[in-house]
Amino acid sequence: MAKQPFTWQPEDVIEVTNVSGENFILHLDSGELRLDAGRTLRMTASTLDQHHIVQLVNAGKLQIQDFNWKKRR
């Protein structure tokens, strides 16, 4: 099987952590994604183009950090 090219750059990956006690449905261009309280998901940085996600970050409900590929779990 031929190796498929990335449709994103690995260095553009971020970790989004729900630090609130609430569960969220994130409305992304690719569809809806559930982010439960206390969970961390890896996403591309383009996620921050979504206005409602920026609002959750500004409200202190989501934390964003760069994903360190060398320390991946």
N, C-alpha and C. Protein backbone atom coordinates (compact mmCIF):
# COMPACT_ATOMS: atom_id res chain seq x y z
N MET A 1 0.84 -1.18 0.00
CA MET A 1 0.00 0.00 0.00
C MET A 1 0.89 1.25 0.00
N ALA A 2 0.57 2.20 -0.84
CA ALA A 2 1.34 3.43 -0.94
C ALA A 2 1.10 4.31 0.29
N LYS A 3 2.15 4.93 0.77
CA LYS A 3 2.04 5.82 1.92
C LYS A 3 1.35 7.11 1.50
N GLN A 4 0.33 7.49 2.25
CA GLN A 4 -0.43 8.70 1.96
C GLN A 4 0.28 9.93 2.55
N PRO A 5 0.25 11.06 1.85
CA PRO A 5 0.88 12.27 2.38
C PRO A 5 0.04 12.88 3.51
N PHE A 6 0.71 13.62 4.39
CA PHE A 6 -0.01 14.35 5.43
C PHE A 6 -0.88 15.42 4.79
N THR A 7 -2.06 15.63 5.34
CA THR A 7 -2.89 16.76 4.92
C THR A 7 -2.73 17.90 5.92
N TRP A 8 -1.82 17.74 6.87
CA TRP A 8 -1.50 18.74 7.88
C TRP A 8 -0.03 18.57 8.22
N GLN A 9 0.54 19.58 8.84
CA GLN A 9 1.94 19.55 9.23
C GLN A 9 2.04 19.07 10.67
N PRO A 10 2.86 18.09 10.96
CA PRO A 10 2.97 17.59 12.34
C PRO A 10 3.28 18.68 13.36
N GLU A 11 4.05 19.69 12.98
CA GLU A 11 4.37 20.75 13.94
C GLU A 11 3.18 21.65 14.25
N ASP A 12 2.07 21.51 13.51
CA ASP A 12 0.87 22.31 13.75
C ASP A 12 -0.10 21.63 14.72
N VAL A 13 0.30 20.52 15.30
CA VAL A 13 -0.59 19.80 16.22
C VAL A 13 -0.54 20.46 17.60
N ILE A 14 -1.72 20.64 18.18
CA ILE A 14 -1.84 21.20 19.52
C ILE A 14 -2.61 20.22 20.39
N GLU A 15 -2.51 20.40 21.69
CA GLU A 15 -3.33 19.65 22.63
C GLU A 15 -4.36 20.60 23.22
N VAL A 16 -5.60 20.17 23.21
CA VAL A 16 -6.70 20.96 23.76
C VAL A 16 -7.21 20.19 24.98
N THR A 17 -7.14 20.83 26.14
CA THR A 17 -7.55 20.19 27.38
C THR A 17 -8.77 20.91 27.95
N ASN A 18 -9.78 20.14 28.28
CA ASN A 18 -10.98 20.67 28.92
C ASN A 18 -10.71 20.71 30.42
N VAL A 19 -10.47 21.89 30.96
CA VAL A 19 -10.16 22.05 32.38
C VAL A 19 -11.39 22.42 33.20
N SER A 20 -12.55 22.43 32.56
CA SER A 20 -13.78 22.76 33.27
C SER A 20 -14.43 21.47 33.76
N GLY A 21 -15.52 21.60 34.44
CA GLY A 21 -16.30 20.45 34.89
C GLY A 21 -17.42 20.11 33.92
N GLU A 22 -17.41 20.76 32.75
CA GLU A 22 -18.47 20.56 31.76
C GLU A 22 -17.97 19.70 30.60
N ASN A 23 -18.92 19.08 29.91
CA ASN A 23 -18.62 18.40 28.64
C ASN A 23 -19.02 19.34 27.51
N PHE A 24 -18.23 19.35 26.44
CA PHE A 24 -18.51 20.24 25.31
C PHE A 24 -18.64 19.46 24.02
N ILE A 25 -19.49 19.95 23.14
CA ILE A 25 -19.53 19.50 21.76
C ILE A 25 -18.87 20.62 20.95
N LEU A 26 -17.73 20.31 20.34
CA LEU A 26 -17.02 21.29 19.54
C LEU A 26 -17.49 21.16 18.09
N HIS A 27 -17.86 22.26 17.50
CA HIS A 27 -18.36 22.27 16.13
C HIS A 27 -17.19 22.66 15.21
N LEU A 28 -16.57 21.65 14.64
CA LEU A 28 -15.40 21.84 13.78
C LEU A 28 -15.81 21.72 12.32
N ASP A 29 -14.95 22.17 11.42
CA ASP A 29 -15.23 22.05 9.99
C ASP A 29 -15.40 20.59 9.58
N SER A 30 -14.72 19.69 10.28
CA SER A 30 -14.79 18.27 9.96
C SER A 30 -15.98 17.57 10.60
N GLY A 31 -16.72 18.29 11.44
CA GLY A 31 -17.88 17.71 12.11
C GLY A 31 -17.84 18.00 13.60
N GLU A 32 -18.79 17.43 14.33
CA GLU A 32 -18.85 17.66 15.77
C GLU A 32 -17.92 16.70 16.50
N LEU A 33 -17.34 17.20 17.59
CA LEU A 33 -16.42 16.40 18.39
C LEU A 33 -16.73 16.66 19.86
N ARG A 34 -16.91 15.59 20.60
CA ARG A 34 -17.20 15.71 22.04
C ARG A 34 -15.89 15.78 22.81
N LEU A 35 -15.79 16.75 23.70
CA LEU A 35 -14.63 16.89 24.58
C LEU A 35 -15.13 16.89 26.02
N ASP A 36 -14.97 15.76 26.68
CA ASP A 36 -15.46 15.61 28.05
C ASP A 36 -14.58 16.34 29.05
N ALA A 37 -15.13 16.62 30.21
CA ALA A 37 -14.42 17.30 31.29
C ALA A 37 -13.16 16.53 31.64
N GLY A 38 -12.05 17.25 31.74
CA GLY A 38 -10.78 16.65 32.12
C GLY A 38 -10.03 15.94 31.01
N ARG A 39 -10.58 15.85 29.83
CA ARG A 39 -9.95 15.14 28.71
C ARG A 39 -9.05 16.07 27.89
N THR A 40 -8.06 15.48 27.23
CA THR A 40 -7.17 16.19 26.32
C THR A 40 -7.23 15.51 24.97
N LEU A 41 -7.38 16.30 23.92
CA LEU A 41 -7.37 15.78 22.56
C LEU A 41 -6.32 16.51 21.75
N ARG A 42 -5.76 15.83 20.78
CA ARG A 42 -4.83 16.43 19.84
C ARG A 42 -5.60 16.88 18.61
N MET A 43 -5.31 18.09 18.17
CA MET A 43 -5.98 18.67 17.01
C MET A 43 -4.96 19.51 16.25
N THR A 44 -5.32 19.92 15.05
CA THR A 44 -4.47 20.86 14.33
C THR A 44 -4.76 22.27 14.84
N ALA A 45 -3.79 23.14 14.69
CA ALA A 45 -3.91 24.51 15.19
C ALA A 45 -5.05 25.27 14.51
N SER A 46 -5.49 24.82 13.34
CA SER A 46 -6.61 25.48 12.66
C SER A 46 -7.89 25.40 13.48
N THR A 47 -7.92 24.55 14.48
CA THR A 47 -9.05 24.47 15.40
C THR A 47 -9.30 25.83 16.04
N LEU A 48 -8.24 26.60 16.22
CA LEU A 48 -8.37 27.91 16.87
C LEU A 48 -8.98 28.96 15.95
N ASP A 49 -9.31 28.57 14.72
CA ASP A 49 -10.04 29.46 13.82
C ASP A 49 -11.53 29.47 14.15
N GLN A 50 -11.96 28.55 14.98
CA GLN A 50 -13.38 28.45 15.34
C GLN A 50 -13.66 29.42 16.50
N HIS A 51 -14.58 30.34 16.27
CA HIS A 51 -14.88 31.39 17.24
C HIS A 51 -15.31 30.83 18.60
N HIS A 52 -16.16 29.81 18.61
CA HIS A 52 -16.66 29.28 19.89
C HIS A 52 -15.54 28.60 20.69
N ILE A 53 -14.54 28.07 20.03
CA ILE A 53 -13.42 27.47 20.75
C ILE A 53 -12.57 28.56 21.39
N VAL A 54 -12.35 29.64 20.67
CA VAL A 54 -11.60 30.78 21.23
C VAL A 54 -12.34 31.34 22.44
N GLN A 55 -13.66 31.38 22.38
CA GLN A 55 -14.44 31.86 23.53
C GLN A 55 -14.24 30.97 24.75
N LEU A 56 -14.20 29.65 24.53
CA LEU A 56 -13.99 28.72 25.64
C LEU A 56 -12.58 28.86 26.21
N VAL A 57 -11.60 29.11 25.35
CA VAL A 57 -10.23 29.34 25.82
C VAL A 57 -10.18 30.62 26.64
N ASN A 58 -10.78 31.69 26.12
CA ASN A 58 -10.78 32.98 26.84
C ASN A 58 -11.52 32.91 28.16
N ALA A 59 -12.52 32.02 28.25
CA ALA A 59 -13.28 31.85 29.49
C ALA A 59 -12.54 30.94 30.48
N GLY A 60 -11.39 30.41 30.07
CA GLY A 60 -10.61 29.56 30.96
C GLY A 60 -11.12 28.12 31.04
N LYS A 61 -11.99 27.73 30.13
CA LYS A 61 -12.55 26.37 30.16
C LYS A 61 -11.72 25.37 29.36
N LEU A 62 -10.98 25.87 28.37
CA LEU A 62 -10.08 25.04 27.59
C LEU A 62 -8.68 25.60 27.69
N GLN A 63 -7.69 24.72 27.76
CA GLN A 63 -6.29 25.13 27.72
C GLN A 63 -5.67 24.56 26.46
N ILE A 64 -4.83 25.35 25.83
CA ILE A 64 -4.17 24.97 24.58
C ILE A 64 -2.66 24.95 24.83
N GLN A 65 -2.02 23.92 24.31
CA GLN A 65 -0.55 23.89 24.33
C GLN A 65 -0.06 23.15 23.10
N ASP A 66 1.15 23.47 22.68
CA ASP A 66 1.76 22.76 21.56
C ASP A 66 1.97 21.30 21.95
N PHE A 67 1.80 20.41 21.00
CA PHE A 67 2.04 19.00 21.26
C PHE A 67 3.51 18.69 21.01
N ASN A 68 4.14 18.06 21.98
CA ASN A 68 5.55 17.69 21.88
C ASN A 68 5.63 16.26 21.35
N TRP A 69 6.00 16.12 20.10
CA TRP A 69 6.06 14.81 19.45
C TRP A 69 7.07 13.90 20.12
N LYS A 70 8.12 14.45 20.69
CA LYS A 70 9.16 13.63 21.32
C LYS A 70 8.69 13.05 22.65
N LYS A 71 7.68 13.65 23.26
CA LYS A 71 7.17 13.16 24.55
C LYS A 71 5.77 12.56 24.42
N ARG A 72 5.39 12.19 23.23
CA ARG A 72 4.03 11.67 23.03
C ARG A 72 3.82 10.41 23.87
N ARG A 73 2.56 10.24 24.23
CA ARG A 73 2.18 9.11 25.10
C ARG A 73 1.94 7.89 24.29
